[in-house]
């Protein structure tokens, strides 16, 4: 596929692969608390397109921004970085 422009990529862990050609990826990031100056872990869940249904729960994946594929799906799975044990 031809890529145009600068697309965001996010690294995360697959928490669900129950849907057909769709995975749910949990991305964790560290944010500094404005008052207490401690780093707090925040997470977001993204629905991503997995064309070959090759991802399994627990895999670490790289997802890339894409055009809207369905009502909630705006990401595509780019590659599997680490398979689950």
PDB file of N, CA and C in Angstrom:
ATOM      1  N   UNK A   1       0.833  -1.190   0.000  1.00  0.00           N
ATOM      2  CA  UNK A   1       0.000   0.000   0.000  1.00  0.00           C
ATOM      3  C   UNK A   1       0.873   1.248   0.000  1.00  0.00           C
ATOM      4  N   UNK A   2       0.457   2.248  -0.718  1.00  0.00           N
ATOM      5  CA  UNK A   2       1.218   3.496  -0.776  1.00  0.00           C
ATOM      6  C   UNK A   2       0.843   4.362   0.417  1.00  0.00           C
ATOM      7  N   UNK A   3       1.853   4.846   1.112  1.00  0.00           N
ATOM      8  CA  UNK A   3       1.636   5.699   2.276  1.00  0.00           C
ATOM      9  C   UNK A   3       1.751   7.158   1.843  1.00  0.00           C
ATOM     10  N   UNK A   4       0.878   8.002   2.358  1.00  0.00           N
ATOM     11  CA  UNK A   4       0.955   9.420   2.037  1.00  0.00           C
ATOM     12  C   UNK A   4       1.005  10.216   3.328  1.00  0.00           C
ATOM     13  N   UNK A   5       1.898  11.186   3.384  1.00  0.00           N
ATOM     14  CA  UNK A   5       2.004  12.042   4.555  1.00  0.00           C
ATOM     15  C   UNK A   5       2.660  11.343   5.727  1.00  0.00           C
ATOM     16  N   UNK A   6       2.636  11.993   6.871  1.00  0.00           N
ATOM     17  CA  UNK A   6       3.211  11.434   8.095  1.00  0.00           C
ATOM     18  C   UNK A   6       2.104  10.797   8.916  1.00  0.00           C
ATOM     19  N   UNK A   7       2.118   9.470   8.977  1.00  0.00           N
ATOM     20  CA  UNK A   7       1.115   8.743   9.742  1.00  0.00           C
ATOM     21  C   UNK A   7       1.683   8.426  11.121  1.00  0.00           C
ATOM     22  N   UNK A   8       0.831   8.507  12.138  1.00  0.00           N
ATOM     23  CA  UNK A   8       1.266   8.160  13.490  1.00  0.00           C
ATOM     24  C   UNK A   8       1.371   6.653  13.615  1.00  0.00           C
ATOM     25  N   UNK A   9       2.387   6.204  14.342  1.00  0.00           N
ATOM     26  CA  UNK A   9       2.501   4.787  14.666  1.00  0.00           C
ATOM     27  C   UNK A   9       2.503   4.646  16.176  1.00  0.00           C
ATOM     28  N   UNK A  10       1.870   3.590  16.650  1.00  0.00           N
ATOM     29  CA  UNK A  10       1.759   3.341  18.093  1.00  0.00           C
ATOM     30  C   UNK A  10       2.103   1.889  18.349  1.00  0.00           C
ATOM     31  N   UNK A  11       2.847   1.673  19.437  1.00  0.00           N
ATOM     32  CA  UNK A  11       3.210   0.321  19.849  1.00  0.00           C
ATOM     33  C   UNK A  11       2.292  -0.071  21.004  1.00  0.00           C
ATOM     34  N   UNK A  12       1.766  -1.298  20.966  1.00  0.00           N
ATOM     35  CA  UNK A  12       0.864  -1.732  22.020  1.00  0.00           C
ATOM     36  C   UNK A  12       0.746  -3.235  22.077  1.00  0.00           C
ATOM     37  N   UNK A  13      -0.052  -3.709  23.018  1.00  0.00           N
ATOM     38  CA  UNK A  13      -0.253  -5.141  23.236  1.00  0.00           C
ATOM     39  C   UNK A  13      -1.684  -5.494  22.846  1.00  0.00           C
ATOM     40  N   UNK A  14      -1.842  -6.597  22.128  1.00  0.00           N
ATOM     41  CA  UNK A  14      -3.167  -7.059  21.712  1.00  0.00           C
ATOM     42  C   UNK A  14      -3.884  -7.632  22.938  1.00  0.00           C
ATOM     43  N   UNK A  15      -5.053  -7.082  23.248  1.00  0.00           N
ATOM     44  CA  UNK A  15      -5.807  -7.580  24.399  1.00  0.00           C
ATOM     45  C   UNK A  15      -7.028  -8.381  23.965  1.00  0.00           C
ATOM     46  N   UNK A  16      -7.396  -8.291  22.668  1.00  0.00           N
ATOM     47  CA  UNK A  16      -8.506  -9.080  22.163  1.00  0.00           C
ATOM     48  C   UNK A  16      -8.329  -9.324  20.671  1.00  0.00           C
ATOM     49  N   UNK A  17      -8.593 -10.583  20.265  1.00  0.00           N
ATOM     50  CA  UNK A  17      -8.565 -10.915  18.836  1.00  0.00           C
ATOM     51  C   UNK A  17      -9.822 -11.694  18.453  1.00  0.00           C
ATOM     52  N   UNK A  18     -10.896 -11.475  19.182  1.00  0.00           N
ATOM     53  CA  UNK A  18     -12.120 -12.247  18.996  1.00  0.00           C
ATOM     54  C   UNK A  18     -12.904 -11.848  17.751  1.00  0.00           C
ATOM     55  N   UNK A  19     -12.740 -10.612  17.284  1.00  0.00           N
ATOM     56  CA  UNK A  19     -13.469 -10.153  16.107  1.00  0.00           C
ATOM     57  C   UNK A  19     -12.761 -10.614  14.834  1.00  0.00           C
ATOM     58  N   UNK A  20     -13.509 -10.679  13.749  1.00  0.00           N
ATOM     59  CA  UNK A  20     -12.930 -11.081  12.465  1.00  0.00           C
ATOM     60  C   UNK A  20     -12.177  -9.908  11.849  1.00  0.00           C
ATOM     61  N   UNK A  21     -10.884 -10.095  11.567  1.00  0.00           N
ATOM     62  CA  UNK A  21     -10.004  -9.099  10.953  1.00  0.00           C
ATOM     63  C   UNK A  21      -9.858  -7.829  11.787  1.00  0.00           C
ATOM     64  N   UNK A  22     -10.123  -7.910  13.079  1.00  0.00           N
ATOM     65  CA  UNK A  22     -10.001  -6.760  13.972  1.00  0.00           C
ATOM     66  C   UNK A  22      -9.325  -7.191  15.265  1.00  0.00           C
ATOM     67  N   UNK A  23      -8.408  -6.343  15.745  1.00  0.00           N
ATOM     68  CA  UNK A  23      -7.776  -6.578  17.040  1.00  0.00           C
ATOM     69  C   UNK A  23      -7.970  -5.340  17.901  1.00  0.00           C
ATOM     70  N   UNK A  24      -7.949  -5.533  19.206  1.00  0.00           N
ATOM     71  CA  UNK A  24      -7.997  -4.415  20.137  1.00  0.00           C
ATOM     72  C   UNK A  24      -6.610  -4.313  20.762  1.00  0.00           C
ATOM     73  N   UNK A  25      -5.998  -3.127  20.615  1.00  0.00           N
ATOM     74  CA  UNK A  25      -4.629  -2.903  21.070  1.00  0.00           C
ATOM     75  C   UNK A  25      -4.653  -1.916  22.219  1.00  0.00           C
ATOM     76  N   UNK A  26      -3.948  -2.252  23.310  1.00  0.00           N
ATOM     77  CA  UNK A  26      -3.845  -1.374  24.490  1.00  0.00           C
ATOM     78  C   UNK A  26      -2.482  -0.707  24.461  1.00  0.00           C
ATOM     79  N   UNK A  27      -2.470   0.617  24.339  1.00  0.00           N
ATOM     80  CA  UNK A  27      -1.227   1.384  24.303  1.00  0.00           C
ATOM     81  C   UNK A  27      -1.066   2.128  25.625  1.00  0.00           C
ATOM     82  N   UNK A  28       0.076   1.946  26.256  1.00  0.00           N
ATOM     83  CA  UNK A  28       0.349   2.571  27.553  1.00  0.00           C
ATOM     84  C   UNK A  28       1.355   3.697  27.360  1.00  0.00           C
ATOM     85  N   UNK A  29       1.134   4.825  28.040  1.00  0.00           N
ATOM     86  CA  UNK A  29       2.096   5.927  27.998  1.00  0.00           C
ATOM     87  C   UNK A  29       2.267   6.504  29.390  1.00  0.00           C
ATOM     88  N   UNK A  30       3.402   7.117  29.629  1.00  0.00           N
ATOM     89  CA  UNK A  30       3.686   7.735  30.916  1.00  0.00           C
ATOM     90  C   UNK A  30       3.446   9.233  30.820  1.00  0.00           C
ATOM     91  N   UNK A  31       2.694   9.766  31.790  1.00  0.00           N
ATOM     92  CA  UNK A  31       2.374  11.187  31.829  1.00  0.00           C
ATOM     93  C   UNK A  31       2.778  11.718  33.195  1.00  0.00           C
ATOM     94  N   UNK A  32       3.444  12.860  33.204  1.00  0.00           N
ATOM     95  CA  UNK A  32       3.862  13.452  34.476  1.00  0.00           C
ATOM     96  C   UNK A  32       2.679  14.172  35.122  1.00  0.00           C
ATOM     97  N   UNK A  33       2.414  13.860  36.386  1.00  0.00           N
ATOM     98  CA  UNK A  33       1.315  14.487  37.114  1.00  0.00           C
ATOM     99  C   UNK A  33       1.657  15.953  37.354  1.00  0.00           C
ATOM    100  N   UNK A  34       0.722  16.874  37.067  1.00  0.00           N
ATOM    101  CA  UNK A  34       1.038  18.301  37.176  1.00  0.00           C
ATOM    102  C   UNK A  34       1.342  18.787  38.594  1.00  0.00           C
ATOM    103  N   UNK A  35       0.743  18.181  39.609  1.00  0.00           N
ATOM    104  CA  UNK A  35       0.943  18.638  40.986  1.00  0.00           C
ATOM    105  C   UNK A  35       2.002  17.815  41.713  1.00  0.00           C
ATOM    106  N   UNK A  36       1.906  16.496  41.619  1.00  0.00           N
ATOM    107  CA  UNK A  36       2.777  15.626  42.401  1.00  0.00           C
ATOM    108  C   UNK A  36       4.076  15.256  41.696  1.00  0.00           C
ATOM    109  N   UNK A  37       4.204  15.605  40.405  1.00  0.00           N
ATOM    110  CA  UNK A  37       5.433  15.374  39.622  1.00  0.00           C
ATOM    111  C   UNK A  37       5.862  13.913  39.598  1.00  0.00           C
ATOM    112  N   UNK A  38       4.885  13.027  39.718  1.00  0.00           N
ATOM    113  CA  UNK A  38       5.162  11.600  39.567  1.00  0.00           C
ATOM    114  C   UNK A  38       4.686  11.189  38.182  1.00  0.00           C
ATOM    115  N   UNK A  39       5.285  10.145  37.654  1.00  0.00           N
ATOM    116  CA  UNK A  39       4.847   9.640  36.358  1.00  0.00           C
ATOM    117  C   UNK A  39       3.712   8.641  36.560  1.00  0.00           C
ATOM    118  N   UNK A  40       2.617   8.880  35.867  1.00  0.00           N
ATOM    119  CA  UNK A  40       1.419   8.069  35.982  1.00  0.00           C
ATOM    120  C   UNK A  40       1.216   7.335  34.656  1.00  0.00           C
ATOM    121  N   UNK A  41       0.843   6.055  34.722  1.00  0.00           N
ATOM    122  CA  UNK A  41       0.604   5.263  33.523  1.00  0.00           C
ATOM    123  C   UNK A  41      -0.824   5.472  33.042  1.00  0.00           C
ATOM    124  N   UNK A  42      -0.981   5.882  31.803  1.00  0.00           N
ATOM    125  CA  UNK A  42      -2.307   6.030  31.200  1.00  0.00           C
ATOM    126  C   UNK A  42      -2.367   5.106  29.996  1.00  0.00           C
ATOM    127  N   UNK A  43      -3.550   4.570  29.720  1.00  0.00           N
ATOM    128  CA  UNK A  43      -3.682   3.692  28.568  1.00  0.00           C
ATOM    129  C   UNK A  43      -4.896   4.057  27.727  1.00  0.00           C
ATOM    130  N   UNK A  44      -4.807   3.695  26.447  1.00  0.00           N
ATOM    131  CA  UNK A  44      -5.890   3.905  25.490  1.00  0.00           C
ATOM    132  C   UNK A  44      -6.052   2.603  24.719  1.00  0.00           C
ATOM    133  N   UNK A  45      -7.304   2.253  24.378  1.00  0.00           N
ATOM    134  CA  UNK A  45      -7.547   1.060  23.570  1.00  0.00           C
ATOM    135  C   UNK A  45      -7.901   1.488  22.153  1.00  0.00           C
ATOM    136  N   UNK A  46      -7.235   0.883  21.188  1.00  0.00           N
ATOM    137  CA  UNK A  46      -7.492   1.161  19.781  1.00  0.00           C
ATOM    138  C   UNK A  46      -7.981  -0.106  19.094  1.00  0.00           C
ATOM    139  N   UNK A  47      -8.938   0.043  18.186  1.00  0.00           N
ATOM    140  CA  UNK A  47      -9.339  -1.075  17.329  1.00  0.00           C
ATOM    141  C   UNK A  47      -8.551  -0.937  16.034  1.00  0.00           C
ATOM    142  N   UNK A  48      -7.876  -2.022  15.632  1.00  0.00           N
ATOM    143  CA  UNK A  48      -7.022  -1.988  14.453  1.00  0.00           C
ATOM    144  C   UNK A  48      -7.391  -3.118  13.501  1.00  0.00           C
ATOM    145  N   UNK A  49      -7.143  -2.885  12.223  1.00  0.00           N
ATOM    146  CA  UNK A  49      -7.447  -3.861  11.179  1.00  0.00           C
ATOM    147  C   UNK A  49      -6.301  -4.858  11.051  1.00  0.00           C
ATOM    148  N   UNK A  50      -6.631  -6.142  11.069  1.00  0.00           N
ATOM    149  CA  UNK A  50      -5.650  -7.228  10.916  1.00  0.00           C
ATOM    150  C   UNK A  50      -6.143  -8.106   9.769  1.00  0.00           C
ATOM    151  N   UNK A  51      -5.661  -7.823   8.561  1.00  0.00           N
ATOM    152  CA  UNK A  51      -6.186  -8.460   7.344  1.00  0.00           C
ATOM    153  C   UNK A  51      -6.086  -9.977   7.352  1.00  0.00           C
ATOM    154  N   UNK A  52      -4.950 -10.550   7.787  1.00  0.00           N
ATOM    155  CA  UNK A  52      -4.761 -11.999   7.744  1.00  0.00           C
ATOM    156  C   UNK A  52      -5.154 -12.711   9.035  1.00  0.00           C
ATOM    157  N   UNK A  53      -5.691 -12.009  10.009  1.00  0.00           N
ATOM    158  CA  UNK A  53      -6.025 -12.587  11.315  1.00  0.00           C
ATOM    159  C   UNK A  53      -4.825 -13.302  11.930  1.00  0.00           C
ATOM    160  N   UNK A  54      -3.644 -12.699  11.854  1.00  0.00           N
ATOM    161  CA  UNK A  54      -2.431 -13.356  12.334  1.00  0.00           C
ATOM    162  C   UNK A  54      -2.051 -12.982  13.756  1.00  0.00           C
ATOM    163  N   UNK A  55      -2.654 -11.954  14.325  1.00  0.00           N
ATOM    164  CA  UNK A  55      -2.333 -11.539  15.701  1.00  0.00           C
ATOM    165  C   UNK A  55      -3.086 -12.390  16.699  1.00  0.00           C
ATOM    166  N   UNK A  56      -2.444 -12.665  17.814  1.00  0.00           N
ATOM    167  CA  UNK A  56      -3.066 -13.375  18.928  1.00  0.00           C
ATOM    168  C   UNK A  56      -2.981 -12.510  20.176  1.00  0.00           C
ATOM    169  N   UNK A  57      -3.788 -12.827  21.153  1.00  0.00           N
ATOM    170  CA  UNK A  57      -3.803 -12.097  22.416  1.00  0.00           C
ATOM    171  C   UNK A  57      -2.431 -12.170  23.073  1.00  0.00           C
ATOM    172  N   UNK A  58      -1.900 -11.014  23.491  1.00  0.00           N
ATOM    173  CA  UNK A  58      -0.595 -10.969  24.142  1.00  0.00           C
ATOM    174  C   UNK A  58       0.532 -10.549  23.218  1.00  0.00           C
ATOM    175  N   UNK A  59       0.297 -10.518  21.902  1.00  0.00           N
ATOM    176  CA  UNK A  59       1.326 -10.084  20.954  1.00  0.00           C
ATOM    177  C   UNK A  59       1.575  -8.584  21.101  1.00  0.00           C
ATOM    178  N   UNK A  60       2.838  -8.180  20.920  1.00  0.00           N
ATOM    179  CA  UNK A  60       3.177  -6.763  20.860  1.00  0.00           C
ATOM    180  C   UNK A  60       3.205  -6.368  19.392  1.00  0.00           C
ATOM    181  N   UNK A  61       2.437  -5.333  19.035  1.00  0.00           N
ATOM    182  CA  UNK A  61       2.295  -4.955  17.633  1.00  0.00           C
ATOM    183  C   UNK A  61       2.554  -3.469  17.426  1.00  0.00           C
ATOM    184  N   UNK A  62       2.779  -3.114  16.172  1.00  0.00           N
ATOM    185  CA  UNK A  62       2.920  -1.729  15.752  1.00  0.00           C
ATOM    186  C   UNK A  62       1.720  -1.425  14.873  1.00  0.00           C
ATOM    187  N   UNK A  63       0.947  -0.390  15.237  1.00  0.00           N
ATOM    188  CA  UNK A  63      -0.214  -0.020  14.437  1.00  0.00           C
ATOM    189  C   UNK A  63       0.017   1.350  13.827  1.00  0.00           C
ATOM    190  N   UNK A  64      -0.578   1.577  12.661  1.00  0.00           N
ATOM    191  CA  UNK A  64      -0.402   2.832  11.938  1.00  0.00           C
ATOM    192  C   UNK A  64      -1.767   3.432  11.643  1.00  0.00           C
ATOM    193  N   UNK A  65      -1.818   4.748  11.650  1.00  0.00           N
ATOM    194  CA  UNK A  65      -3.034   5.483  11.381  1.00  0.00           C
ATOM    195  C   UNK A  65      -3.484   5.231   9.941  1.00  0.00           C
ATOM    196  N   UNK A  66      -4.795   5.147   9.725  1.00  0.00           N
ATOM    197  CA  UNK A  66      -5.301   4.964   8.362  1.00  0.00           C
ATOM    198  C   UNK A  66      -6.647   5.665   8.221  1.00  0.00           C
ATOM    199  N   UNK A  67      -7.220   5.520   7.043  1.00  0.00           N
ATOM    200  CA  UNK A  67      -8.550   6.086   6.819  1.00  0.00           C
ATOM    201  C   UNK A  67      -9.568   5.300   7.644  1.00  0.00           C
ATOM    202  N   UNK A  68     -10.743   5.862   7.907  1.00  0.00           N
ATOM    203  CA  UNK A  68     -11.754   5.119   8.652  1.00  0.00           C
ATOM    204  C   UNK A  68     -12.160   3.839   7.920  1.00  0.00           C
ATOM    205  N   UNK A  69     -12.018   2.700   8.596  1.00  0.00           N
ATOM    206  CA  UNK A  69     -12.378   1.408   8.008  1.00  0.00           C
ATOM    207  C   UNK A  69     -13.747   0.937   8.479  1.00  0.00           C
ATOM    208  N   UNK A  70     -14.188   1.433   9.627  1.00  0.00           N
ATOM    209  CA  UNK A  70     -15.530   1.160  10.139  1.00  0.00           C
ATOM    210  C   UNK A  70     -15.846   2.263  11.148  1.00  0.00           C
ATOM    211  N   UNK A  71     -16.894   2.068  11.922  1.00  0.00           N
ATOM    212  CA  UNK A  71     -17.314   3.125  12.851  1.00  0.00           C
ATOM    213  C   UNK A  71     -16.239   3.461  13.872  1.00  0.00           C
ATOM    214  N   UNK A  72     -15.507   2.439  14.366  1.00  0.00           N
ATOM    215  CA  UNK A  72     -14.499   2.679  15.405  1.00  0.00           C
ATOM    216  C   UNK A  72     -13.082   2.351  14.965  1.00  0.00           C
ATOM    217  N   UNK A  73     -12.900   1.797  13.769  1.00  0.00           N
ATOM    218  CA  UNK A  73     -11.585   1.342  13.327  1.00  0.00           C
ATOM    219  C   UNK A  73     -10.910   2.393  12.469  1.00  0.00           C
ATOM    220  N   UNK A  74      -9.809   2.987  12.994  1.00  0.00           N
ATOM    221  CA  UNK A  74      -9.046   3.986  12.252  1.00  0.00           C
ATOM    222  C   UNK A  74      -7.562   3.653  12.218  1.00  0.00           C
ATOM    223  N   UNK A  75      -7.211   2.418  12.555  1.00  0.00           N
ATOM    224  CA  UNK A  75      -5.809   1.984  12.612  1.00  0.00           C
ATOM    225  C   UNK A  75      -5.652   0.667  11.873  1.00  0.00           C
ATOM    226  N   UNK A  76      -4.441   0.420  11.355  1.00  0.00           N
ATOM    227  CA  UNK A  76      -4.097  -0.839  10.710  1.00  0.00           C
ATOM    228  C   UNK A  76      -2.896  -1.436  11.412  1.00  0.00           C
ATOM    229  N   UNK A  77      -2.868  -2.761  11.502  1.00  0.00           N
ATOM    230  CA  UNK A  77      -1.721  -3.431  12.085  1.00  0.00           C
ATOM    231  C   UNK A  77      -0.601  -3.431  11.047  1.00  0.00           C
ATOM    232  N   UNK A  78       0.564  -2.868  11.422  1.00  0.00           N
ATOM    233  CA  UNK A  78       1.683  -2.760  10.497  1.00  0.00           C
ATOM    234  C   UNK A  78       2.581  -3.988  10.583  1.00  0.00           C
ATOM    235  N   UNK A  79       2.968  -4.350  11.825  1.00  0.00           N
ATOM    236  CA  UNK A  79       3.810  -5.542  11.995  1.00  0.00           C
ATOM    237  C   UNK A  79       3.698  -6.061  13.429  1.00  0.00           C
ATOM    238  N   UNK A  80       4.013  -7.346  13.566  1.00  0.00           N
ATOM    239  CA  UNK A  80       4.067  -7.971  14.897  1.00  0.00           C
ATOM    240  C   UNK A  80       5.505  -7.859  15.385  1.00  0.00           C
ATOM    241  N   UNK A  81       5.704  -7.145  16.487  1.00  0.00           N
ATOM    242  CA  UNK A  81       7.046  -6.942  17.016  1.00  0.00           C
ATOM    243  C   UNK A  81       7.503  -8.123  17.858  1.00  0.00           C
ATOM    244  N   UNK A  82       6.563  -8.697  18.622  1.00  0.00           N
ATOM    245  CA  UNK A  82       6.903  -9.821  19.515  1.00  0.00           C
ATOM    246  C   UNK A  82       5.672 -10.703  19.679  1.00  0.00           C
ATOM    247  N   UNK A  83       5.867 -11.993  19.472  1.00  0.00           N
ATOM    248  CA  UNK A  83       4.765 -12.932  19.637  1.00  0.00           C
ATOM    249  C   UNK A  83       4.561 -13.253  21.122  1.00  0.00           C
ATOM    250  N   UNK A  84       3.327 -13.606  21.480  1.00  0.00           N
ATOM    251  CA  UNK A  84       3.026 -13.980  22.863  1.00  0.00           C
ATOM    252  C   UNK A  84       3.647 -15.329  23.173  1.00  0.00           C
ATOM    253  N   UNK A  85       3.976 -15.534  24.440  1.00  0.00           N
ATOM    254  CA  UNK A  85       4.598 -16.794  24.866  1.00  0.00           C
ATOM    255  C   UNK A  85       3.570 -17.880  25.020  1.00  0.00           C
TER     256      UNK A  85
END
